Amino acid sequence: FLCALLLRDKPPAVSAWLPWALDIDGRSLPAASAAPAQVTLEQ
């Protein structure tokens, strides 16, 4: 998923792709719950 995101001059905003990485239906999660995985995914 991440490799496909970066194949462009500028990847989509984290706020756009993170819900779809953390839930197959793109449901938003509380920021505190999502934060640890978000940090690792961005790394």
Full PDB file with SEQRES, HELIX, SHEET, SSBOND, CRYST1, ORIGX, SCALE, CONECT and MASTER records, all heavy atoms in Angstrom:
SEQRES   1 A   43  PHE LEU CYS ALA LEU LEU LEU ARG ASP LYS PRO PRO ALA          
SEQRES   2 A   43  VAL SER ALA TRP LEU PRO TRP ALA LEU ASP ILE ASP GLY          
SEQRES   3 A   43  ARG SER LEU PRO ALA ALA SER ALA ALA PRO ALA GLN VAL          
SEQRES   4 A   43  THR LEU GLU GLN                                              
HELIX    1 AA1 LEU A    2  LEU A    6  1                                   5    
HELIX    2 AA2 VAL A   14  LEU A   22  1                                   9    
HELIX    3 AA3 ALA A   31  GLU A   42  1                                  12    
CRYST1    1.000    1.000    1.000  90.00  90.00  90.00 P 1           1          
ORIGX1      1.000000  0.000000  0.000000        0.00000                         
ORIGX2      0.000000  1.000000  0.000000        0.00000                         
ORIGX3      0.000000  0.000000  1.000000        0.00000                         
SCALE1      1.000000  0.000000  0.000000        0.00000                         
SCALE2      0.000000  1.000000  0.000000        0.00000                         
SCALE3      0.000000  0.000000  1.000000        0.00000                         
ATOM      1  N   PHE A   1       0.835  -1.205   0.000  1.00  0.00           N  
ATOM      2  CA  PHE A   1       0.000   0.000   0.000  1.00  0.00           C  
ATOM      3  C   PHE A   1       0.870   1.256   0.000  1.00  0.00           C  
ATOM      4  O   PHE A   1       0.672   2.179  -0.804  1.00  0.00           O  
ATOM      5  CB  PHE A   1      -0.896  -0.063   1.240  1.00  0.00           C  
ATOM      6  CG  PHE A   1      -1.922   1.015   1.383  1.00  0.00           C  
ATOM      7  CD1 PHE A   1      -3.203   0.856   0.879  1.00  0.00           C  
ATOM      8  CD2 PHE A   1      -1.632   2.185   2.066  1.00  0.00           C  
ATOM      9  CE1 PHE A   1      -4.172   1.843   1.036  1.00  0.00           C  
ATOM     10  CE2 PHE A   1      -2.581   3.181   2.238  1.00  0.00           C  
ATOM     11  CZ  PHE A   1      -3.858   3.012   1.721  1.00  0.00           C  
ATOM     12  N   LEU A   2       1.866   1.286   0.882  1.00  0.00           N  
ATOM     13  CA  LEU A   2       2.742   2.457   0.987  1.00  0.00           C  
ATOM     14  C   LEU A   2       3.561   2.660  -0.291  1.00  0.00           C  
ATOM     15  O   LEU A   2       3.781   3.802  -0.717  1.00  0.00           O  
ATOM     16  CB  LEU A   2       3.664   2.325   2.192  1.00  0.00           C  
ATOM     17  CG  LEU A   2       2.994   2.336   3.566  1.00  0.00           C  
ATOM     18  CD1 LEU A   2       4.028   2.083   4.657  1.00  0.00           C  
ATOM     19  CD2 LEU A   2       2.253   3.644   3.818  1.00  0.00           C  
ATOM     20  N   CYS A   3       4.005   1.568  -0.893  1.00  0.00           N  
ATOM     21  CA  CYS A   3       4.786   1.712  -2.132  1.00  0.00           C  
ATOM     22  C   CYS A   3       3.961   2.352  -3.237  1.00  0.00           C  
ATOM     23  O   CYS A   3       4.463   3.181  -3.995  1.00  0.00           O  
ATOM     24  CB  CYS A   3       5.310   0.349  -2.579  1.00  0.00           C  
ATOM     25  SG  CYS A   3       6.811  -0.167  -1.711  1.00  0.00           S  
ATOM     26  N   ALA A   4       2.693   1.975  -3.342  1.00  0.00           N  
ATOM     27  CA  ALA A   4       1.839   2.597  -4.355  1.00  0.00           C  
ATOM     28  C   ALA A   4       1.612   4.076  -4.050  1.00  0.00           C  
ATOM     29  O   ALA A   4       1.545   4.906  -4.968  1.00  0.00           O  
ATOM     30  CB  ALA A   4       0.509   1.868  -4.452  1.00  0.00           C  
ATOM     31  N   LEU A   5       1.508   4.433  -2.770  1.00  0.00           N  
ATOM     32  CA  LEU A   5       1.299   5.833  -2.408  1.00  0.00           C  
ATOM     33  C   LEU A   5       2.463   6.713  -2.833  1.00  0.00           C  
ATOM     34  O   LEU A   5       2.272   7.858  -3.257  1.00  0.00           O  
ATOM     35  CB  LEU A   5       1.120   5.965  -0.896  1.00  0.00           C  
ATOM     36  CG  LEU A   5      -0.161   5.433  -0.263  1.00  0.00           C  
ATOM     37  CD1 LEU A   5      -0.125   5.670   1.236  1.00  0.00           C  
ATOM     38  CD2 LEU A   5      -1.396   6.091  -0.875  1.00  0.00           C  
ATOM     39  N   LEU A   6       3.684   6.206  -2.707  1.00  0.00           N  
ATOM     40  CA  LEU A   6       4.843   7.071  -2.944  1.00  0.00           C  
ATOM     41  C   LEU A   6       5.202   7.208  -4.419  1.00  0.00           C  
ATOM     42  O   LEU A   6       6.061   8.021  -4.769  1.00  0.00           O  
ATOM     43  CB  LEU A   6       6.046   6.593  -2.129  1.00  0.00           C  
ATOM     44  CG  LEU A   6       6.681   5.241  -2.440  1.00  0.00           C  
ATOM     45  CD1 LEU A   6       7.626   5.280  -3.613  1.00  0.00           C  
ATOM     46  CD2 LEU A   6       7.410   4.731  -1.195  1.00  0.00           C  
ATOM     47  N   LEU A   7       4.537   6.450  -5.302  1.00  0.00           N  
ATOM     48  CA  LEU A   7       4.884   6.511  -6.719  1.00  0.00           C  
ATOM     49  C   LEU A   7       4.216   7.707  -7.400  1.00  0.00           C  
ATOM     50  O   LEU A   7       3.343   7.580  -8.254  1.00  0.00           O  
ATOM     51  CB  LEU A   7       4.491   5.196  -7.412  1.00  0.00           C  
ATOM     52  CG  LEU A   7       5.393   4.011  -7.070  1.00  0.00           C  
ATOM     53  CD1 LEU A   7       4.858   2.748  -7.708  1.00  0.00           C  
ATOM     54  CD2 LEU A   7       6.830   4.275  -7.499  1.00  0.00           C  
ATOM     55  N   ARG A   8       4.642   8.853  -7.000  1.00  0.00           N  
ATOM     56  CA  ARG A   8       4.169  10.130  -7.552  1.00  0.00           C  
ATOM     57  C   ARG A   8       5.084  11.188  -6.963  1.00  0.00           C  
ATOM     58  O   ARG A   8       5.841  10.926  -6.036  1.00  0.00           O  
ATOM     59  CB  ARG A   8       2.702  10.375  -7.203  1.00  0.00           C  
ATOM     60  CG  ARG A   8       2.410  10.396  -5.712  1.00  0.00           C  
ATOM     61  CD  ARG A   8       0.952  10.078  -5.441  1.00  0.00           C  
ATOM     62  NE  ARG A   8       0.690   8.646  -5.560  1.00  0.00           N  
ATOM     63  CZ  ARG A   8      -0.334   8.126  -6.240  1.00  0.00           C  
ATOM     64  NH1 ARG A   8      -1.188   8.904  -6.866  1.00  0.00           N  
ATOM     65  NH2 ARG A   8      -0.509   6.818  -6.284  1.00  0.00           N  
ATOM     66  N   ASP A   9       5.048  12.381  -7.521  1.00  0.00           N  
ATOM     67  CA  ASP A   9       5.927  13.433  -7.011  1.00  0.00           C  
ATOM     68  C   ASP A   9       5.653  13.736  -5.544  1.00  0.00           C  
ATOM     69  O   ASP A   9       6.568  14.024  -4.775  1.00  0.00           O  
ATOM     70  CB  ASP A   9       5.771  14.705  -7.845  1.00  0.00           C  
ATOM     71  CG  ASP A   9       6.375  14.566  -9.232  1.00  0.00           C  
ATOM     72  OD1 ASP A   9       7.170  13.626  -9.431  1.00  0.00           O  
ATOM     73  OD2 ASP A   9       6.062  15.383 -10.106  1.00  0.00           O  
ATOM     74  N   LYS A  10       4.383  13.667  -5.152  1.00  0.00           N  
ATOM     75  CA  LYS A  10       4.016  13.946  -3.764  1.00  0.00           C  
ATOM     76  C   LYS A  10       2.911  12.982  -3.356  1.00  0.00           C  
ATOM     77  O   LYS A  10       1.854  12.965  -3.981  1.00  0.00           O  
ATOM     78  CB  LYS A  10       3.543  15.396  -3.604  1.00  0.00           C  
ATOM     79  CG  LYS A  10       3.241  15.784  -2.170  1.00  0.00           C  
ATOM     80  CD  LYS A  10       2.835  17.246  -2.062  1.00  0.00           C  
ATOM     81  CE  LYS A  10       2.552  17.642  -0.623  1.00  0.00           C  
ATOM     82  NZ  LYS A  10       2.127  19.074  -0.502  1.00  0.00           N  
ATOM     83  N   PRO A  11       3.135  12.153  -2.318  1.00  0.00           N  
ATOM     84  CA  PRO A  11       2.094  11.210  -1.894  1.00  0.00           C  
ATOM     85  C   PRO A  11       0.851  11.945  -1.395  1.00  0.00           C  
ATOM     86  O   PRO A  11       0.908  13.120  -1.016  1.00  0.00           O  
ATOM     87  CB  PRO A  11       2.771  10.435  -0.758  1.00  0.00           C  
ATOM     88  CG  PRO A  11       4.231  10.653  -0.940  1.00  0.00           C  
ATOM     89  CD  PRO A  11       4.372  12.016  -1.545  1.00  0.00           C  
ATOM     90  N   PRO A  12      -0.297  11.268  -1.379  1.00  0.00           N  
ATOM     91  CA  PRO A  12      -1.490  11.858  -0.767  1.00  0.00           C  
ATOM     92  C   PRO A  12      -1.222  12.215   0.691  1.00  0.00           C  
ATOM     93  O   PRO A  12      -0.337  11.647   1.336  1.00  0.00           O  
ATOM     94  CB  PRO A  12      -2.534  10.734  -0.875  1.00  0.00           C  
ATOM     95  CG  PRO A  12      -2.029   9.832  -1.946  1.00  0.00           C  
ATOM     96  CD  PRO A  12      -0.540   9.923  -1.896  1.00  0.00           C  
ATOM     97  N   ALA A  13      -1.995  13.148   1.198  1.00  0.00           N  
ATOM     98  CA  ALA A  13      -1.848  13.545   2.598  1.00  0.00           C  
ATOM     99  C   ALA A  13      -2.110  12.360   3.522  1.00  0.00           C  
ATOM    100  O   ALA A  13      -2.932  11.486   3.222  1.00  0.00           O  
ATOM    101  CB  ALA A  13      -2.820  14.682   2.918  1.00  0.00           C  
ATOM    102  N   VAL A  14      -1.409  12.349   4.643  1.00  0.00           N  
ATOM    103  CA  VAL A  14      -1.602  11.279   5.614  1.00  0.00           C  
ATOM    104  C   VAL A  14      -3.067  11.183   6.025  1.00  0.00           C  
ATOM    105  O   VAL A  14      -3.614  10.085   6.180  1.00  0.00           O  
ATOM    106  CB  VAL A  14      -0.704  11.506   6.848  1.00  0.00           C  
ATOM    107  CG1 VAL A  14      -0.991  10.461   7.915  1.00  0.00           C  
ATOM    108  CG2 VAL A  14       0.767  11.481   6.457  1.00  0.00           C  
ATOM    109  N   SER A  15      -3.711  12.318   6.192  1.00  0.00           N  
ATOM    110  CA  SER A  15      -5.113  12.317   6.610  1.00  0.00           C  
ATOM    111  C   SER A  15      -6.013  11.644   5.588  1.00  0.00           C  
ATOM    112  O   SER A  15      -7.099  11.161   5.935  1.00  0.00           O  
ATOM    113  CB  SER A  15      -5.592  13.752   6.847  1.00  0.00           C  
ATOM    114  OG  SER A  15      -5.466  14.534   5.657  1.00  0.00           O  
ATOM    115  N   ALA A  16      -5.564  11.579   4.328  1.00  0.00           N  
ATOM    116  CA  ALA A  16      -6.359  10.928   3.287  1.00  0.00           C  
ATOM    117  C   ALA A  16      -6.158   9.420   3.295  1.00  0.00           C  
ATOM    118  O   ALA A  16      -7.118   8.647   3.179  1.00  0.00           O  
ATOM    119  CB  ALA A  16      -6.003  11.507   1.915  1.00  0.00           C  
ATOM    120  N   TRP A  17      -4.896   8.960   3.426  1.00  0.00           N  
ATOM    121  CA  TRP A  17      -4.662   7.517   3.287  1.00  0.00           C  
ATOM    122  C   TRP A  17      -4.707   6.742   4.589  1.00  0.00           C  
ATOM    123  O   TRP A  17      -4.991   5.528   4.588  1.00  0.00           O  
ATOM    124  CB  TRP A  17      -3.347   7.233   2.566  1.00  0.00           C  
ATOM    125  CG  TRP A  17      -2.069   7.738   3.175  1.00  0.00           C  
ATOM    126  CD1 TRP A  17      -1.354   8.832   2.804  1.00  0.00           C  
ATOM    127  CD2 TRP A  17      -1.314   7.122   4.248  1.00  0.00           C  
ATOM    128  NE1 TRP A  17      -0.214   8.954   3.567  1.00  0.00           N  
ATOM    129  CE2 TRP A  17      -0.156   7.912   4.459  1.00  0.00           C  
ATOM    130  CE3 TRP A  17      -1.492   5.977   5.039  1.00  0.00           C  
ATOM    131  CZ2 TRP A  17       0.800   7.611   5.425  1.00  0.00           C  
ATOM    132  CZ3 TRP A  17      -0.550   5.670   6.015  1.00  0.00           C  
ATOM    133  CH2 TRP A  17       0.578   6.476   6.193  1.00  0.00           C  
ATOM    134  N   LEU A  18      -4.436   7.395   5.724  1.00  0.00           N  
ATOM    135  CA  LEU A  18      -4.345   6.655   6.979  1.00  0.00           C  
ATOM    136  C   LEU A  18      -5.634   5.898   7.326  1.00  0.00           C  
ATOM    137  O   LEU A  18      -5.561   4.730   7.733  1.00  0.00           O  
ATOM    138  CB  LEU A  18      -3.960   7.593   8.125  1.00  0.00           C  
ATOM    139  CG  LEU A  18      -3.711   6.912   9.467  1.00  0.00           C  
ATOM    140  CD1 LEU A  18      -2.496   5.984   9.397  1.00  0.00           C  
ATOM    141  CD2 LEU A  18      -3.503   7.956  10.566  1.00  0.00           C  
ATOM    142  N   PRO A  19      -6.819   6.506   7.187  1.00  0.00           N  
ATOM    143  CA  PRO A  19      -8.034   5.738   7.523  1.00  0.00           C  
ATOM    144  C   PRO A  19      -8.151   4.443   6.728  1.00  0.00           C  
ATOM    145  O   PRO A  19      -8.635   3.427   7.256  1.00  0.00           O  
ATOM    146  CB  PRO A  19      -9.170   6.715   7.192  1.00  0.00           C  
ATOM    147  CG  PRO A  19      -8.547   8.069   7.330  1.00  0.00           C  
ATOM    148  CD  PRO A  19      -7.149   7.900   6.823  1.00  0.00           C  
ATOM    149  N   TRP A  20      -7.690   4.444   5.469  1.00  0.00           N  
ATOM    150  CA  TRP A  20      -7.799   3.244   4.635  1.00  0.00           C  
ATOM    151  C   TRP A  20      -6.726   2.223   4.972  1.00  0.00           C  
ATOM    152  O   TRP A  20      -6.910   1.020   4.727  1.00  0.00           O  
ATOM    153  CB  TRP A  20      -7.731   3.642   3.164  1.00  0.00           C  
ATOM    154  CG  TRP A  20      -8.887   4.495   2.777  1.00  0.00           C  
ATOM    155  CD1 TRP A  20      -8.916   5.862   2.697  1.00  0.00           C  
ATOM    156  CD2 TRP A  20     -10.203   4.062   2.478  1.00  0.00           C  
ATOM    157  NE1 TRP A  20     -10.175   6.296   2.364  1.00  0.00           N  
ATOM    158  CE2 TRP A  20     -10.980   5.212   2.218  1.00  0.00           C  
ATOM    159  CE3 TRP A  20     -10.812   2.806   2.398  1.00  0.00           C  
ATOM    160  CZ2 TRP A  20     -12.335   5.137   1.873  1.00  0.00           C  
ATOM    161  CZ3 TRP A  20     -12.161   2.741   2.058  1.00  0.00           C  
ATOM    162  CH2 TRP A  20     -12.906   3.888   1.796  1.00  0.00           C  
ATOM    163  N   ALA A  21      -5.617   2.655   5.533  1.00  0.00           N  
ATOM    164  CA  ALA A  21      -4.600   1.715   6.002  1.00  0.00           C  
ATOM    165  C   ALA A  21      -5.038   1.039   7.301  1.00  0.00           C  
ATOM    166  O   ALA A  21      -4.749  -0.139   7.530  1.00  0.00           O  
ATOM    167  CB  ALA A  21      -3.269   2.432   6.205  1.00  0.00           C  
ATOM    168  N   LEU A  22      -5.739   1.783   8.137  1.00  0.00           N  
ATOM    169  CA  LEU A  22      -6.117   1.277   9.453  1.00  0.00           C  
ATOM    170  C   LEU A  22      -7.489   0.624   9.487  1.00  0.00           C  
ATOM    171  O   LEU A  22      -7.857   0.010  10.500  1.00  0.00           O  
ATOM    172  CB  LEU A  22      -6.053   2.402  10.488  1.00  0.00           C  
ATOM    173  CG  LEU A  22      -4.683   3.061  10.661  1.00  0.00           C  
ATOM    174  CD1 LEU A  22      -4.718   4.057  11.808  1.00  0.00           C  
ATOM    175  CD2 LEU A  22      -3.581   2.033  10.865  1.00  0.00           C  
ATOM    176  N   ASP A  23      -8.243   0.738   8.389  1.00  0.00           N  
ATOM    177  CA  ASP A  23      -9.547   0.076   8.325  1.00  0.00           C  
ATOM    178  C   ASP A  23      -9.922  -0.137   6.869  1.00  0.00           C  
ATOM    179  O   ASP A  23      -9.869   0.802   6.066  1.00  0.00           O  
ATOM    180  CB  ASP A  23     -10.627   0.900   9.028  1.00  0.00           C  
ATOM    181  CG  ASP A  23     -11.966   0.192   9.023  1.00  0.00           C  
ATOM    182  OD1 ASP A  23     -12.123  -0.791   9.784  1.00  0.00           O  
ATOM    183  OD2 ASP A  23     -12.852   0.577   8.231  1.00  0.00           O  
ATOM    184  N   ILE A  24     -10.290  -1.352   6.520  1.00  0.00           N  
ATOM    185  CA  ILE A  24     -10.562  -1.690   5.131  1.00  0.00           C  
ATOM    186  C   ILE A  24     -11.710  -0.863   4.558  1.00  0.00           C  
ATOM    187  O   ILE A  24     -11.797  -0.660   3.346  1.00  0.00           O  
ATOM    188  CB  ILE A  24     -10.859  -3.207   5.004  1.00  0.00           C  
ATOM    189  CG1 ILE A  24     -10.819  -3.662   3.542  1.00  0.00           C  
ATOM    190  CG2 ILE A  24     -12.176  -3.553   5.666  1.00  0.00           C  
ATOM    191  CD1 ILE A  24      -9.476  -3.570   2.899  1.00  0.00           C  
ATOM    192  N   ASP A  25     -12.594  -0.359   5.434  1.00  0.00           N  
ATOM    193  CA  ASP A  25     -13.705   0.466   4.988  1.00  0.00           C  
ATOM    194  C   ASP A  25     -13.429   1.960   5.135  1.00  0.00           C  
ATOM    195  O   ASP A  25     -14.310   2.779   4.887  1.00  0.00           O  
ATOM    196  CB  ASP A  25     -14.985   0.104   5.758  1.00  0.00           C  
ATOM    197  CG  ASP A  25     -15.478  -1.297   5.422  1.00  0.00           C  
ATOM    198  OD1 ASP A  25     -15.411  -1.682   4.237  1.00  0.00           O  
ATOM    199  OD2 ASP A  25     -15.916  -2.019   6.346  1.00  0.00           O  
ATOM    200  N   GLY A  26     -12.216   2.321   5.567  1.00  0.00           N  
ATOM    201  CA  GLY A  26     -11.853   3.724   5.665  1.00  0.00           C  
ATOM    202  C   GLY A  26     -12.486   4.463   6.826  1.00  0.00           C  
ATOM    203  O   GLY A  26     -12.567   5.698   6.803  1.00  0.00           O  
ATOM    204  N   ARG A  27     -12.925   3.738   7.850  1.00  0.00           N  
ATOM    205  CA  ARG A  27     -13.533   4.394   9.008  1.00  0.00           C  
ATOM    206  C   ARG A  27     -12.450   5.083   9.841  1.00  0.00           C  
ATOM    207  O   ARG A  27     -11.396   4.504  10.101  1.00  0.00           O  
ATOM    208  CB  ARG A  27     -14.276   3.367   9.863  1.00  0.00           C  
ATOM    209  CG  ARG A  27     -15.514   2.798   9.198  1.00  0.00           C  
ATOM    210  CD  ARG A  27     -16.073   1.611   9.944  1.00  0.00           C  
ATOM    211  NE  ARG A  27     -15.206   0.436   9.823  1.00  0.00           N  
ATOM    212  CZ  ARG A  27     -15.612  -0.816  10.031  1.00  0.00           C  
ATOM    213  NH1 ARG A  27     -16.865  -1.053  10.372  1.00  0.00           N  
ATOM    214  NH2 ARG A  27     -14.758  -1.819   9.910  1.00  0.00           N  
ATOM    215  N   SER A  28     -12.720   6.302  10.245  1.00  0.00           N  
ATOM    216  CA  SER A  28     -11.751   7.054  11.047  1.00  0.00           C  
ATOM    217  C   SER A  28     -11.715   6.521  12.474  1.00  0.00           C  
ATOM    218  O   SER A  28     -12.736   6.111  13.023  1.00  0.00           O  
ATOM    219  CB  SER A  28     -12.112   8.541  11.059  1.00  0.00           C  
ATOM    220  OG  SER A  28     -12.010   9.084   9.760  1.00  0.00           O  
ATOM    221  N   LEU A  29     -10.519   6.540  13.049  1.00  0.00           N  
ATOM    222  CA  LEU A  29     -10.329   6.091  14.420  1.00  0.00           C  
ATOM    223  C   LEU A  29      -9.967   7.280  15.299  1.00  0.00           C  
ATOM    224  O   LEU A  29      -9.479   8.303  14.801  1.00  0.00           O  
ATOM    225  CB  LEU A  29      -9.195   5.067  14.478  1.00  0.00           C  
ATOM    226  CG  LEU A  29      -9.395   3.779  13.695  1.00  0.00           C  
ATOM    227  CD1 LEU A  29      -8.140   2.924  13.771  1.00  0.00           C  
ATOM    228  CD2 LEU A  29     -10.590   3.003  14.229  1.00  0.00           C  
ATOM    229  N   PRO A  30     -10.183   7.170  16.610  1.00  0.00           N  
ATOM    230  CA  PRO A  30      -9.717   8.235  17.503  1.00  0.00           C  
ATOM    231  C   PRO A  30      -8.222   8.454  17.318  1.00  0.00           C  
ATOM    232  O   PRO A  30      -7.451   7.506  17.148  1.00  0.00           O  
ATOM    233  CB  PRO A  30     -10.029   7.681  18.894  1.00  0.00           C  
ATOM    234  CG  PRO A  30     -11.137   6.702  18.684  1.00  0.00           C  
ATOM    235  CD  PRO A  30     -10.878   6.088  17.339  1.00  0.00           C  
ATOM    236  N   ALA A  31      -7.811   9.709  17.320  1.00  0.00           N  
ATOM    237  CA  ALA A  31      -6.412  10.046  17.049  1.00  0.00           C  
ATOM    238  C   ALA A  31      -5.465   9.318  17.994  1.00  0.00           C  
ATOM    239  O   ALA A  31      -4.402   8.837  17.581  1.00  0.00           O  
ATOM    240  CB  ALA A  31      -6.217  11.556  17.143  1.00  0.00           C  
ATOM    241  N   ALA A  32      -5.833   9.221  19.252  1.00  0.00           N  
ATOM    242  CA  ALA A  32      -4.947   8.572  20.231  1.00  0.00           C  
ATOM    243  C   ALA A  32      -4.768   7.092  19.918  1.00  0.00           C  
ATOM    244  O   ALA A  32      -3.687   6.531  20.132  1.00  0.00           O  
ATOM    245  CB  ALA A  32      -5.509   8.750  21.638  1.00  0.00           C  
ATOM    246  N   SER A  33      -5.812   6.446  19.421  1.00  0.00           N  
ATOM    247  CA  SER A  33      -5.725   5.023  19.085  1.00  0.00           C  
ATOM    248  C   SER A  33      -4.887   4.803  17.839  1.00  0.00           C  
ATOM    249  O   SER A  33      -4.151   3.816  17.733  1.00  0.00           O  
ATOM    250  CB  SER A  33      -7.133   4.447  18.869  1.00  0.00           C  
ATOM    251  OG  SER A  33      -7.917   4.546  20.032  1.00  0.00           O  
ATOM    252  N   ALA A  34      -5.003   5.723  16.877  1.00  0.00           N  
ATOM    253  CA  ALA A  34      -4.309   5.563  15.607  1.00  0.00           C  
ATOM    254  C   ALA A  34      -2.851   6.000  15.656  1.00  0.00           C  
ATOM    255  O   ALA A  34      -2.049   5.588  14.812  1.00  0.00           O  
ATOM    256  CB  ALA A  34      -5.044   6.362  14.524  1.00  0.00           C  
ATOM    257  N   ALA A  35      -2.489   6.828  16.637  1.00  0.00           N  
ATOM    258  CA  ALA A  35      -1.181   7.484  16.642  1.00  0.00           C  
ATOM    259  C   ALA A  35       0.008   6.526  16.581  1.00  0.00           C  
ATOM    260  O   ALA A  35       0.934   6.740  15.786  1.00  0.00           O  
ATOM    261  CB  ALA A  35      -1.057   8.411  17.857  1.00  0.00           C  
ATOM    262  N   PRO A  36       0.061   5.459  17.389  1.00  0.00           N  
ATOM    263  CA  PRO A  36       1.248   4.594  17.331  1.00  0.00           C  
ATOM    264  C   PRO A  36       1.457   3.983  15.940  1.00  0.00           C  
ATOM    265  O   PRO A  36       2.577   3.990  15.410  1.00  0.00           O  
ATOM    266  CB  PRO A  36       0.955   3.519  18.382  1.00  0.00           C  
ATOM    267  CG  PRO A  36       0.022   4.189  19.348  1.00  0.00           C  
ATOM    268  CD  PRO A  36      -0.848   5.054  18.489  1.00  0.00           C  
ATOM    269  N   ALA A  37       0.403   3.443  15.338  1.00  0.00           N  
ATOM    270  CA  ALA A  37       0.532   2.860  14.009  1.00  0.00           C  
ATOM    271  C   ALA A  37       0.852   3.931  12.969  1.00  0.00           C  
ATOM    272  O   ALA A  37       1.630   3.688  12.033  1.00  0.00           O  
ATOM    273  CB  ALA A  37      -0.752   2.124  13.625  1.00  0.00           C  
ATOM    274  N   GLN A  38       0.292   5.116  13.127  1.00  0.00           N  
ATOM    275  CA  GLN A  38       0.584   6.192  12.179  1.00  0.00           C  
ATOM    276  C   GLN A  38       2.070   6.523  12.180  1.00  0.00           C  
ATOM    277  O   GLN A  38       2.677   6.692  11.110  1.00  0.00           O  
ATOM    278  CB  GLN A  38      -0.229   7.443  12.529  1.00  0.00           C  
ATOM    279  CG  GLN A  38       0.096   8.631  11.615  1.00  0.00           C  
ATOM    280  CD  GLN A  38      -0.691   9.875  11.955  1.00  0.00           C  
ATOM    281  OE1 GLN A  38      -1.702   9.806  12.652  1.00  0.00           O  
ATOM    282  NE2 GLN A  38      -0.240  11.020  11.476  1.00  0.00           N  
ATOM    283  N   VAL A  39       2.674   6.613  13.348  1.00  0.00           N  
ATOM    284  CA  VAL A  39       4.104   6.934  13.428  1.00  0.00           C  
ATOM    285  C   VAL A  39       4.926   5.874  12.696  1.00  0.00           C  
ATOM    286  O   VAL A  39       5.825   6.190  11.900  1.00  0.00           O  
ATOM    287  CB  VAL A  39       4.545   7.049  14.903  1.00  0.00           C  
ATOM    288  CG1 VAL A  39       6.068   7.116  15.004  1.00  0.00           C  
ATOM    289  CG2 VAL A  39       3.923   8.285  15.542  1.00  0.00           C  
ATOM    290  N   THR A  40       4.612   4.609  12.934  1.00  0.00           N  
ATOM    291  CA  THR A  40       5.377   3.532  12.304  1.00  0.00           C  
ATOM    292  C   THR A  40       5.167   3.514  10.796  1.00  0.00           C  
ATOM    293  O   THR A  40       6.119   3.322  10.029  1.00  0.00           O  
ATOM    294  CB  THR A  40       4.974   2.176  12.909  1.00  0.00           C  
ATOM    295  OG1 THR A  40       5.159   2.226  14.327  1.00  0.00           O  
ATOM    296  CG2 THR A  40       5.823   1.054  12.349  1.00  0.00           C  
ATOM    297  N   LEU A  41       3.940   3.730  10.358  1.00  0.00           N  
ATOM    298  CA  LEU A  41       3.662   3.753   8.924  1.00  0.00           C  
ATOM    299  C   LEU A  41       4.384   4.913   8.239  1.00  0.00           C  
ATOM    300  O   LEU A  41       4.929   4.754   7.138  1.00  0.00           O  
ATOM    301  CB  LEU A  41       2.154   3.843   8.684  1.00  0.00           C  
ATOM    302  CG  LEU A  41       1.364   2.565   8.962  1.00  0.00           C  
ATOM    303  CD1 LEU A  41      -0.130   2.860   8.981  1.00  0.00           C  
ATOM    304  CD2 LEU A  41       1.679   1.498   7.917  1.00  0.00           C  
ATOM    305  N   GLU A  42       4.409   6.071   8.884  1.00  0.00           N  
ATOM    306  CA  GLU A  42       5.107   7.210   8.280  1.00  0.00           C  
ATOM    307  C   GLU A  42       6.617   6.972   8.249  1.00  0.00           C  
ATOM    308  O   GLU A  42       7.299   7.387   7.303  1.00  0.00           O  
ATOM    309  CB  GLU A  42       4.771   8.486   9.044  1.00  0.00           C  
ATOM    310  CG  GLU A  42       3.345   8.958   8.824  1.00  0.00           C  
ATOM    311  CD  GLU A  42       3.118  10.368   9.343  1.00  0.00           C  
ATOM    312  OE1 GLU A  42       3.603  11.317   8.692  1.00  0.00           O  
ATOM    313  OE2 GLU A  42       2.462  10.510  10.392  1.00  0.00           O  
ATOM    314  N   GLN A  43       7.149   6.303   9.257  1.00  0.00           N  
ATOM    315  CA  GLN A  43       8.568   5.953   9.236  1.00  0.00           C  
ATOM    316  C   GLN A  43       8.874   5.021   8.074  1.00  0.00           C  
ATOM    317  O   GLN A  43       9.864   5.192   7.354  1.00  0.00           O  
ATOM    318  CB  GLN A  43       8.965   5.295  10.563  1.00  0.00           C  
ATOM    319  CG  GLN A  43       9.005   6.235  11.744  1.00  0.00           C  
ATOM    320  CD  GLN A  43       9.209   5.492  13.060  1.00  0.00           C  
ATOM    321  OE1 GLN A  43       9.114   4.267  13.113  1.00  0.00           O  
ATOM    322  NE2 GLN A  43       9.476   6.237  14.117  1.00  0.00           N  
TER     323      GLN A  43                                                      
MASTER        0    0    0    3    0    0    0    6  322    1    0    4          
END                                                                             
